[in-house]
């Protein structure tokens, strides 16, 4: 699908992104990852999931499911560091979605 800015994004891919963000708990989890990502930008340390799971009132299996959905939509990357799970924002996908949603005021 082409938007009027010339950015191409597959409609299935786009639907997967919006579906992943449509759950309120998942959206809150994503916002927490983004906030930690921005705070650790210079150190590139990522976001320790155990740190944010305490602030959300949902269980570990549910958080795991939400992380999988966010990862499947290419919104985040996850990796194990010892016994910890670290999440990072996929900035390329964020930029794609951002470009797609921009309004073209030049028309």
Foldseek 3Di string as FASTA:
>chain_A
DQDPVGQDDDPVLVVLQVVLCVDPLLVVLLVVQVVVCVVCVVVNPAAWSVVCVVVDPDDPVVVVVSVVSCVVSVQWDWDDDDPTIGIHGNVVVVVSVVVRPDDDPPD
